[in-house]
C-alpha atoms as a PDB file:
ATOM      1  CA  UNK A   1      -0.201  -0.097   0.217  1.00  0.00           C
ATOM      2  CA  UNK A   2       1.439   3.002  -0.835  1.00  0.00           C
ATOM      3  CA  UNK A   3       1.081   5.263   2.134  1.00  0.00           C
ATOM      4  CA  UNK A   4       2.665   8.823   1.945  1.00  0.00           C
ATOM      5  CA  UNK A   5       1.648  10.651   4.364  1.00  0.00           C
ATOM      6  CA  UNK A   6       1.350  13.661   2.359  1.00  0.00           C
ATOM      7  CA  UNK A   7       0.724  15.689   5.886  1.00  0.00           C
ATOM      8  CA  UNK A   8       2.628  14.379   8.419  1.00  0.00           C
ATOM      9  CA  UNK A   9       4.581  17.160  10.895  1.00  0.00           C
ATOM     10  CA  UNK A  10       7.811  14.396  11.768  1.00  0.00           C
ATOM     11  CA  UNK A  11       9.645  15.653  15.027  1.00  0.00           C
ATOM     12  CA  UNK A  12      12.771  14.212  16.237  1.00  0.00           C
ATOM     13  CA  UNK A  13      12.165  12.989  19.678  1.00  0.00           C
ATOM     14  CA  UNK A  14      11.283   9.838  18.334  1.00  0.00           C
ATOM     15  CA  UNK A  15      14.657   9.307  16.789  1.00  0.00           C
ATOM     16  CA  UNK A  16      16.301  10.830  19.762  1.00  0.00           C
ATOM     17  CA  UNK A  17      14.174   8.446  21.287  1.00  0.00           C
ATOM     18  CA  UNK A  18      15.442   5.250  19.180  1.00  0.00           C
ATOM     19  CA  UNK A  19      11.532   4.566  18.305  1.00  0.00           C
ATOM     20  CA  UNK A  20      11.171   2.480  15.577  1.00  0.00           C
ATOM     21  CA  UNK A  21       7.902   2.495  15.569  1.00  0.00           C
ATOM     22  CA  UNK A  22       4.568   3.839  16.192  1.00  0.00           C
ATOM     23  CA  UNK A  23       1.079   3.146  14.777  1.00  0.00           C
ATOM     24  CA  UNK A  24      -0.091   5.618  17.447  1.00  0.00           C
ATOM     25  CA  UNK A  25      -2.931   8.956  16.245  1.00  0.00           C
ATOM     26  CA  UNK A  26      -1.304  10.325  13.257  1.00  0.00           C
ATOM     27  CA  UNK A  27      -0.273   7.470  11.450  1.00  0.00           C
ATOM     28  CA  UNK A  28      -3.492   5.661  12.217  1.00  0.00           C
ATOM     29  CA  UNK A  29      -5.601   9.086  10.557  1.00  0.00           C
ATOM     30  CA  UNK A  30      -2.935   9.540   7.852  1.00  0.00           C
ATOM     31  CA  UNK A  31      -2.843   5.241   7.069  1.00  0.00           C
ATOM     32  CA  UNK A  32      -6.994   4.728   6.368  1.00  0.00           C
ATOM     33  CA  UNK A  33      -6.973   8.911   4.611  1.00  0.00           C
ATOM     34  CA  UNK A  34      -4.124   7.693   2.311  1.00  0.00           C
ATOM     35  CA  UNK A  35      -6.451   3.370   2.548  1.00  0.00           C
ATOM     36  CA  UNK A  36      -9.525   5.683   1.541  1.00  0.00           C
ATOM     37  CA  UNK A  37      -8.549   7.857  -1.164  1.00  0.00           C
ATOM     38  CA  UNK A  38      -6.334   5.200  -2.793  1.00  0.00           C
ATOM     39  CA  UNK A  39      -9.908   3.262  -2.746  1.00  0.00           C
ATOM     40  CA  UNK A  40     -12.169   6.373  -4.884  1.00  0.00           C
ATOM     41  CA  UNK A  41      -9.360   7.837  -7.232  1.00  0.00           C
ATOM     42  CA  UNK A  42     -10.293   4.186  -8.874  1.00  0.00           C
ATOM     43  CA  UNK A  43     -13.782   4.974  -9.198  1.00  0.00           C
ATOM     44  CA  UNK A  44     -16.452   7.297 -11.627  1.00  0.00           C
ATOM     45  CA  UNK A  45     -19.161   8.232  -9.701  1.00  0.00           C
ATOM     46  CA  UNK A  46     -17.185   9.551  -6.722  1.00  0.00           C
ATOM     47  CA  UNK A  47     -13.654  10.202  -8.009  1.00  0.00           C
ATOM     48  CA  UNK A  48     -11.133  11.848  -5.740  1.00  0.00           C
ATOM     49  CA  UNK A  49      -8.160  13.474  -7.207  1.00  0.00           C
ATOM     50  CA  UNK A  50      -5.811  15.776  -5.710  1.00  0.00           C
ATOM     51  CA  UNK A  51      -3.767  18.647  -5.689  1.00  0.00           C
ATOM     52  CA  UNK A  52       0.056  18.984  -6.287  1.00  0.00           C
ATOM     53  CA  UNK A  53       0.443  19.847  -2.599  1.00  0.00           C
ATOM     54  CA  UNK A  54      -1.942  16.423  -1.367  1.00  0.00           C
ATOM     55  CA  UNK A  55      -4.911  17.763  -0.565  1.00  0.00           C
ATOM     56  CA  UNK A  56      -8.128  17.752  -1.805  1.00  0.00           C
ATOM     57  CA  UNK A  57      -8.538  18.589  -5.470  1.00  0.00           C
ATOM     58  CA  UNK A  58     -11.255  21.337  -4.004  1.00  0.00           C
ATOM     59  CA  UNK A  59     -11.560  24.003  -6.540  1.00  0.00           C
ATOM     60  CA  UNK A  60     -15.081  26.853  -6.643  1.00  0.00           C
ATOM     61  CA  UNK A  61     -18.001  25.952  -8.364  1.00  0.00           C
ATOM     62  CA  UNK A  62     -18.977  28.945 -10.907  1.00  0.00           C
ATOM     63  CA  UNK A  63     -18.262  28.569 -14.013  1.00  0.00           C
ATOM     64  CA  UNK A  64     -17.746  24.270 -13.562  1.00  0.00           C
ATOM     65  CA  UNK A  65     -18.856  21.102 -15.750  1.00  0.00           C
ATOM     66  CA  UNK A  66     -21.296  19.177 -13.591  1.00  0.00           C
ATOM     67  CA  UNK A  67     -19.230  16.115 -14.931  1.00  0.00           C
ATOM     68  CA  UNK A  68     -16.093  17.604 -14.064  1.00  0.00           C
ATOM     69  CA  UNK A  69     -14.015  14.706 -11.923  1.00  0.00           C
ATOM     70  CA  UNK A  70     -15.829  11.516 -13.838  1.00  0.00           C
ATOM     71  CA  UNK A  71     -13.675  11.907 -17.314  1.00  0.00           C
ATOM     72  CA  UNK A  72     -10.932  13.943 -16.160  1.00  0.00           C
ATOM     73  CA  UNK A  73      -8.807  15.133 -13.280  1.00  0.00           C
ATOM     74  CA  UNK A  74     -10.213  18.532 -13.126  1.00  0.00           C
ATOM     75  CA  UNK A  75     -12.168  18.406  -9.099  1.00  0.00           C
ATOM     76  CA  UNK A  76     -12.314  16.037  -6.801  1.00  0.00           C
ATOM     77  CA  UNK A  77     -16.302  14.996  -6.789  1.00  0.00           C
ATOM     78  CA  UNK A  78     -15.691  13.917  -3.117  1.00  0.00           C
ATOM     79  CA  UNK A  79     -13.806  15.068  -0.154  1.00  0.00           C
ATOM     80  CA  UNK A  80     -11.682  12.828   2.427  1.00  0.00           C
ATOM     81  CA  UNK A  81      -9.140  14.399   5.033  1.00  0.00           C
ATOM     82  CA  UNK A  82      -9.179  15.133   8.098  1.00  0.00           C
ATOM     83  CA  UNK A  83      -9.901  18.414   8.640  1.00  0.00           C
ATOM     84  CA  UNK A  84     -11.436  20.835   5.749  1.00  0.00           C
ATOM     85  CA  UNK A  85      -8.612  23.773   4.917  1.00  0.00           C
ATOM     86  CA  UNK A  86     -11.655  25.612   3.232  1.00  0.00           C
ATOM     87  CA  UNK A  87     -13.878  27.845   4.071  1.00  0.00           C
ATOM     88  CA  UNK A  88     -16.693  25.880   2.236  1.00  0.00           C
ATOM     89  CA  UNK A  89     -18.212  22.842   2.716  1.00  0.00           C
ATOM     90  CA  UNK A  90     -18.404  19.777   0.103  1.00  0.00           C
ATOM     91  CA  UNK A  91     -20.241  16.818  -0.210  1.00  0.00           C
ATOM     92  CA  UNK A  92     -20.324  14.847  -0.456  1.00  0.00           C
ATOM     93  CA  UNK A  93     -17.184  13.700   2.226  1.00  0.00           C
ATOM     94  CA  UNK A  94     -15.156  11.886   4.485  1.00  0.00           C
ATOM     95  CA  UNK A  95     -13.969  13.220   7.516  1.00  0.00           C
ATOM     96  CA  UNK A  96     -11.502  10.885   9.579  1.00  0.00           C
ATOM     97  CA  UNK A  97     -10.711  11.482  13.428  1.00  0.00           C
ATOM     98  CA  UNK A  98      -9.985   9.222  16.188  1.00  0.00           C
ATOM     99  CA  UNK A  99     -12.194   9.461  18.946  1.00  0.00           C
ATOM    100  CA  UNK A 100     -10.361   6.945  21.981  1.00  0.00           C
ATOM    101  CA  UNK A 101      -7.267   5.814  22.256  1.00  0.00           C
ATOM    102  CA  UNK A 102      -5.794   2.873  25.054  1.00  0.00           C
ATOM    103  CA  UNK A 103      -2.035   1.599  26.213  1.00  0.00           C
ATOM    104  CA  UNK A 104      -2.050  -2.391  26.468  1.00  0.00           C
ATOM    105  CA  UNK A 105       0.246  -3.885  27.948  1.00  0.00           C
ATOM    106  CA  UNK A 106       1.417  -7.863  25.753  1.00  0.00           C
ATOM    107  CA  UNK A 107       3.738  -8.484  28.820  1.00  0.00           C
ATOM    108  CA  UNK A 108       4.192  -7.400  32.694  1.00  0.00           C
ATOM    109  CA  UNK A 109       7.484  -5.574  31.471  1.00  0.00           C
ATOM    110  CA  UNK A 110       6.735  -4.190  27.717  1.00  0.00           C
ATOM    111  CA  UNK A 111       9.310  -7.570  26.436  1.00  0.00           C
ATOM    112  CA  UNK A 112      12.167  -5.795  27.631  1.00  0.00           C
ATOM    113  CA  UNK A 113      14.415  -8.768  26.969  1.00  0.00           C
ATOM    114  CA  UNK A 114      13.930  -8.876  23.227  1.00  0.00           C
ATOM    115  CA  UNK A 115      16.900  -8.679  20.341  1.00  0.00           C
ATOM    116  CA  UNK A 116      16.861  -8.367  17.460  1.00  0.00           C
ATOM    117  CA  UNK A 117      20.768  -9.729  15.433  1.00  0.00           C
ATOM    118  CA  UNK A 118      21.941  -8.421  12.789  1.00  0.00           C
ATOM    119  CA  UNK A 119      23.789 -10.754   9.711  1.00  0.00           C
ATOM    120  CA  UNK A 120      27.029  -9.766   9.297  1.00  0.00           C
ATOM    121  CA  UNK A 121      29.316 -11.002   6.740  1.00  0.00           C
ATOM    122  CA  UNK A 122      33.599 -11.843   7.726  1.00  0.00           C
ATOM    123  CA  UNK A 123      36.052 -12.970   5.000  1.00  0.00           C
ATOM    124  CA  UNK A 124      38.840 -14.285   7.388  1.00  0.00           C
ATOM    125  CA  UNK A 125      43.172 -14.203   5.197  1.00  0.00           C
ATOM    126  CA  UNK A 126      42.458 -17.077   3.166  1.00  0.00           C
ATOM    127  CA  UNK A 127      38.632 -14.953   1.325  1.00  0.00           C
ATOM    128  CA  UNK A 128      36.884 -17.138   2.653  1.00  0.00           C
ATOM    129  CA  UNK A 129      32.864 -15.722   4.330  1.00  0.00           C
ATOM    130  CA  UNK A 130      31.388 -16.376   6.529  1.00  0.00           C
ATOM    131  CA  UNK A 131      27.694 -15.283   8.106  1.00  0.00           C
ATOM    132  CA  UNK A 132      28.137 -14.618  11.661  1.00  0.00           C
ATOM    133  CA  UNK A 133      24.563 -13.284  13.644  1.00  0.00           C
ATOM    134  CA  UNK A 134      26.246 -10.448  16.860  1.00  0.00           C
ATOM    135  CA  UNK A 135      23.116  -8.636  18.670  1.00  0.00           C
ATOM    136  CA  UNK A 136      21.765  -5.538  17.864  1.00  0.00           C
ATOM    137  CA  UNK A 137      18.966  -3.945  19.428  1.00  0.00           C
ATOM    138  CA  UNK A 138      17.103  -4.877  22.575  1.00  0.00           C
ATOM    139  CA  UNK A 139      13.429  -4.133  22.520  1.00  0.00           C
ATOM    140  CA  UNK A 140      10.794  -2.830  24.132  1.00  0.00           C
ATOM    141  CA  UNK A 141       7.553  -2.925  22.954  1.00  0.00           C
ATOM    142  CA  UNK A 142       3.759  -2.482  23.101  1.00  0.00           C
ATOM    143  CA  UNK A 143      -0.078  -2.309  22.099  1.00  0.00           C
ATOM    144  CA  UNK A 144      -2.755   0.829  21.165  1.00  0.00           C
ATOM    145  CA  UNK A 145      -6.130   0.185  21.255  1.00  0.00           C
ATOM    146  CA  UNK A 146      -7.520   2.906  19.089  1.00  0.00           C
ATOM    147  CA  UNK A 147     -11.476   3.864  17.873  1.00  0.00           C
ATOM    148  CA  UNK A 148     -11.229   5.594  13.999  1.00  0.00           C
ATOM    149  CA  UNK A 149     -14.867   8.003  13.112  1.00  0.00           C
ATOM    150  CA  UNK A 150     -15.224   8.044  10.140  1.00  0.00           C
ATOM    151  CA  UNK A 151     -18.180  10.544   9.406  1.00  0.00           C
ATOM    152  CA  UNK A 152     -19.855  10.372   5.964  1.00  0.00           C
ATOM    153  CA  UNK A 153     -21.909  13.304   5.148  1.00  0.00           C
ATOM    154  CA  UNK A 154     -23.862  13.558   1.059  1.00  0.00           C
ATOM    155  CA  UNK A 155     -26.602  16.479  -0.420  1.00  0.00           C
ATOM    156  CA  UNK A 156     -28.471  13.358  -0.805  1.00  0.00           C
ATOM    157  CA  UNK A 157     -29.711   9.123   0.670  1.00  0.00           C
ATOM    158  CA  UNK A 158     -28.474   7.454  -2.059  1.00  0.00           C
ATOM    159  CA  UNK A 159     -25.312   9.461  -2.234  1.00  0.00           C
ATOM    160  CA  UNK A 160     -24.801   8.356   2.074  1.00  0.00           C
ATOM    161  CA  UNK A 161     -26.044   4.529   1.435  1.00  0.00           C
ATOM    162  CA  UNK A 162     -23.571   3.955  -1.601  1.00  0.00           C
ATOM    163  CA  UNK A 163     -20.467   5.907  -0.019  1.00  0.00           C
ATOM    164  CA  UNK A 164     -21.248   4.110   3.796  1.00  0.00           C
ATOM    165  CA  UNK A 165     -21.422   0.964   1.492  1.00  0.00           C
ATOM    166  CA  UNK A 166     -17.694   1.866   0.048  1.00  0.00           C
ATOM    167  CA  UNK A 167     -16.127   2.310   2.966  1.00  0.00           C
ATOM    168  CA  UNK A 168     -17.410  -0.811   4.637  1.00  0.00           C
ATOM    169  CA  UNK A 169     -16.872  -2.891   2.258  1.00  0.00           C
ATOM    170  CA  UNK A 170     -13.869  -2.787   0.999  1.00  0.00           C
ATOM    171  CA  UNK A 171     -11.689  -1.585   5.093  1.00  0.00           C
ATOM    172  CA  UNK A 172     -13.313  -5.342   6.226  1.00  0.00           C
ATOM    173  CA  UNK A 173     -12.431  -6.622   2.721  1.00  0.00           C
ATOM    174  CA  UNK A 174     -10.287  -5.976   0.259  1.00  0.00           C
ATOM    175  CA  UNK A 175      -8.301  -4.108   1.984  1.00  0.00           C
ATOM    176  CA  UNK A 176      -8.115  -5.146   5.582  1.00  0.00           C
ATOM    177  CA  UNK A 177      -4.623  -7.032   4.999  1.00  0.00           C
ATOM    178  CA  UNK A 178      -2.921  -4.176   3.387  1.00  0.00           C
ATOM    179  CA  UNK A 179      -4.162  -1.909   6.603  1.00  0.00           C
ATOM    180  CA  UNK A 180      -2.864  -4.577   8.780  1.00  0.00           C
ATOM    181  CA  UNK A 181       1.185  -4.659   7.007  1.00  0.00           C
ATOM    182  CA  UNK A 182       0.760  -1.300   7.214  1.00  0.00           C
ATOM    183  CA  UNK A 183      -0.216  -1.455  10.751  1.00  0.00           C
ATOM    184  CA  UNK A 184      -3.729  -0.838  11.844  1.00  0.00           C
ATOM    185  CA  UNK A 185      -5.225  -3.910  12.731  1.00  0.00           C
ATOM    186  CA  UNK A 186      -9.271  -3.333  11.740  1.00  0.00           C
ATOM    187  CA  UNK A 187     -11.244  -5.439  15.227  1.00  0.00           C
ATOM    188  CA  UNK A 188     -14.264  -4.281  15.051  1.00  0.00           C
ATOM    189  CA  UNK A 189     -15.960  -2.235  12.902  1.00  0.00           C
ATOM    190  CA  UNK A 190     -19.324  -0.916  12.761  1.00  0.00           C
ATOM    191  CA  UNK A 191     -22.104   1.617  10.944  1.00  0.00           C
ATOM    192  CA  UNK A 192     -24.385   4.178  13.188  1.00  0.00           C
ATOM    193  CA  UNK A 193     -28.416   4.880  12.492  1.00  0.00           C
ATOM    194  CA  UNK A 194     -28.721   7.052   9.604  1.00  0.00           C
ATOM    195  CA  UNK A 195     -29.325  11.142  10.211  1.00  0.00           C
ATOM    196  CA  UNK A 196     -30.644  13.977   8.247  1.00  0.00           C
ATOM    197  CA  UNK A 197     -29.973  17.487   9.825  1.00  0.00           C
ATOM    198  CA  UNK A 198     -31.036  20.864   8.124  1.00  0.00           C
ATOM    199  CA  UNK A 199     -28.839  22.624   5.934  1.00  0.00           C
ATOM    200  CA  UNK A 200     -30.425  25.328   3.636  1.00  0.00           C
ATOM    201  CA  UNK A 201     -33.160  24.601   1.877  1.00  0.00           C
ATOM    202  CA  UNK A 202     -32.670  21.662   2.056  1.00  0.00           C
ATOM    203  CA  UNK A 203     -30.916  18.365   3.886  1.00  0.00           C
ATOM    204  CA  UNK A 204     -27.457  17.060   4.837  1.00  0.00           C
ATOM    205  CA  UNK A 205     -27.830  13.312   5.091  1.00  0.00           C
ATOM    206  CA  UNK A 206     -24.853  11.758   7.220  1.00  0.00           C
ATOM    207  CA  UNK A 207     -24.118   8.343   8.750  1.00  0.00           C
ATOM    208  CA  UNK A 208     -20.740   7.467  10.815  1.00  0.00           C
ATOM    209  CA  UNK A 209     -19.291   3.846  10.741  1.00  0.00           C
ATOM    210  CA  UNK A 210     -16.433   3.496  13.885  1.00  0.00           C
ATOM    211  CA  UNK A 211     -13.398   1.147  13.411  1.00  0.00           C
ATOM    212  CA  UNK A 212     -12.150  -0.798  16.085  1.00  0.00           C
ATOM    213  CA  UNK A 213      -8.185  -1.611  15.965  1.00  0.00           C
ATOM    214  CA  UNK A 214      -4.557  -2.564  17.198  1.00  0.00           C
ATOM    215  CA  UNK A 215      -1.888  -1.111  16.800  1.00  0.00           C
ATOM    216  CA  UNK A 216       1.515  -1.441  17.558  1.00  0.00           C
ATOM    217  CA  UNK A 217       4.807   0.732  19.109  1.00  0.00           C
ATOM    218  CA  UNK A 218       8.525  -0.756  19.275  1.00  0.00           C
ATOM    219  CA  UNK A 219      11.451   0.903  21.039  1.00  0.00           C
ATOM    220  CA  UNK A 220      15.211  -0.251  19.439  1.00  0.00           C
ATOM    221  CA  UNK A 221      17.541   0.571  22.240  1.00  0.00           C
ATOM    222  CA  UNK A 222      21.134   0.381  19.974  1.00  0.00           C
ATOM    223  CA  UNK A 223      23.876  -2.581  21.744  1.00  0.00           C
ATOM    224  CA  UNK A 224      26.831  -0.988  22.175  1.00  0.00           C
ATOM    225  CA  UNK A 225      28.985  -2.662  24.485  1.00  0.00           C
ATOM    226  CA  UNK A 226      29.666  -6.181  22.361  1.00  0.00           C
ATOM    227  CA  UNK A 227      33.456  -7.501  22.642  1.00  0.00           C
ATOM    228  CA  UNK A 228      34.154  -8.426  19.158  1.00  0.00           C
ATOM    229  CA  UNK A 229      37.942  -9.236  19.546  1.00  0.00           C
ATOM    230  CA  UNK A 230      39.995  -9.878  22.723  1.00  0.00           C
ATOM    231  CA  UNK A 231      44.080  -9.054  22.657  1.00  0.00           C
ATOM    232  CA  UNK A 232      46.437 -11.317  24.764  1.00  0.00           C
ATOM    233  CA  UNK A 233      49.646 -10.649  25.575  1.00  0.00           C
ATOM    234  CA  UNK A 234      52.862 -12.454  27.973  1.00  0.00           C
ATOM    235  CA  UNK A 235      55.589 -12.114  28.557  1.00  0.00           C
ATOM    236  CA  UNK A 236      58.552 -14.083  30.335  1.00  0.00           C
ATOM    237  CA  UNK A 237      60.431 -13.373  33.302  1.00  0.00           C
ATOM    238  CA  UNK A 238      61.258 -13.902  36.901  1.00  0.00           C
ATOM    239  CA  UNK A 239      58.579 -12.007  38.794  1.00  0.00           C
ATOM    240  CA  UNK A 240      60.463 -12.695  41.890  1.00  0.00           C
ATOM    241  CA  UNK A 241      64.088 -10.727  41.131  1.00  0.00           C
ATOM    242  CA  UNK A 242      61.837  -7.967  38.674  1.00  0.00           C
ATOM    243  CA  UNK A 243      63.306  -9.633  35.482  1.00  0.00           C
ATOM    244  CA  UNK A 244      61.480  -9.429  32.211  1.00  0.00           C
ATOM    245  CA  UNK A 245      62.944 -11.135  29.037  1.00  0.00           C
ATOM    246  CA  UNK A 246      62.061  -8.277  27.181  1.00  0.00           C
ATOM    247  CA  UNK A 247      63.154 -10.511  23.555  1.00  0.00           C
ATOM    248  CA  UNK A 248      60.657 -13.039  24.438  1.00  0.00           C
ATOM    249  CA  UNK A 249      56.596 -11.652  23.735  1.00  0.00           C
ATOM    250  CA  UNK A 250      53.769 -13.677  22.598  1.00  0.00           C
ATOM    251  CA  UNK A 251      50.527 -11.312  20.807  1.00  0.00           C
ATOM    252  CA  UNK A 252      47.591 -13.483  19.808  1.00  0.00           C
ATOM    253  CA  UNK A 253      44.351 -12.040  18.606  1.00  0.00           C
ATOM    254  CA  UNK A 254      41.124 -13.536  19.392  1.00  0.00           C
ATOM    255  CA  UNK A 255      38.705 -12.489  16.611  1.00  0.00           C
ATOM    256  CA  UNK A 256      34.697 -13.809  15.372  1.00  0.00           C
ATOM    257  CA  UNK A 257      36.966 -15.310  12.915  1.00  0.00           C
ATOM    258  CA  UNK A 258      39.206 -16.823  14.397  1.00  0.00           C
ATOM    259  CA  UNK A 259      36.393 -18.707  17.096  1.00  0.00           C
ATOM    260  CA  UNK A 260      33.846 -19.414  13.989  1.00  0.00           C
END
């Protein structure tokens, strides 16, 4: 799955603290948003189009052809995101937000004794290659239980129903394994009742899809004190009389290659 996270704000805190994975609020929302955008890019009626900055391509409807976006990329025919970028309303729309997050311990000590190994290729003086495995990182791991809401809003009942069917079927069906590979596992999905509310001289029709998910976080602390070689030096002499043979000495270097 192509999750590019075009609107993610990066921080140095994760790198400083050796956090190599955390599918939390930001990553979880972006994974869902990018997945739904990929789904509707392939549709004609609710064709999704983004601009050069990765946001929904929402143009003014003034002098805009009614079929713009069906057979071209002039305008998106559905808004998919977490917030509106414009002071205008655009429908139909899919608004994704996180409603709750709960930490879930997967073990008593967060798997503090876990070790990630690295493979290295060593060559001796005769040109023989040997692959060895050495400890590289100590790990801490945990999980998040997160709930996300996808609000479907449209200006007609049939649009609301069709979009709702597309979203819930694709997330729990064809896209479920892609979401899991991206780090977001869907445990359960449920859809609320249908709602209508006045909007000018018309009505807005909406429903909410709630997704219960499980994701993980992982810390990998580098192991920097690994001993890879030992040097031995032996000197001959008379310790009691404090006399040593300066010209007689044995030096030996023991490395991992020697032991293999």
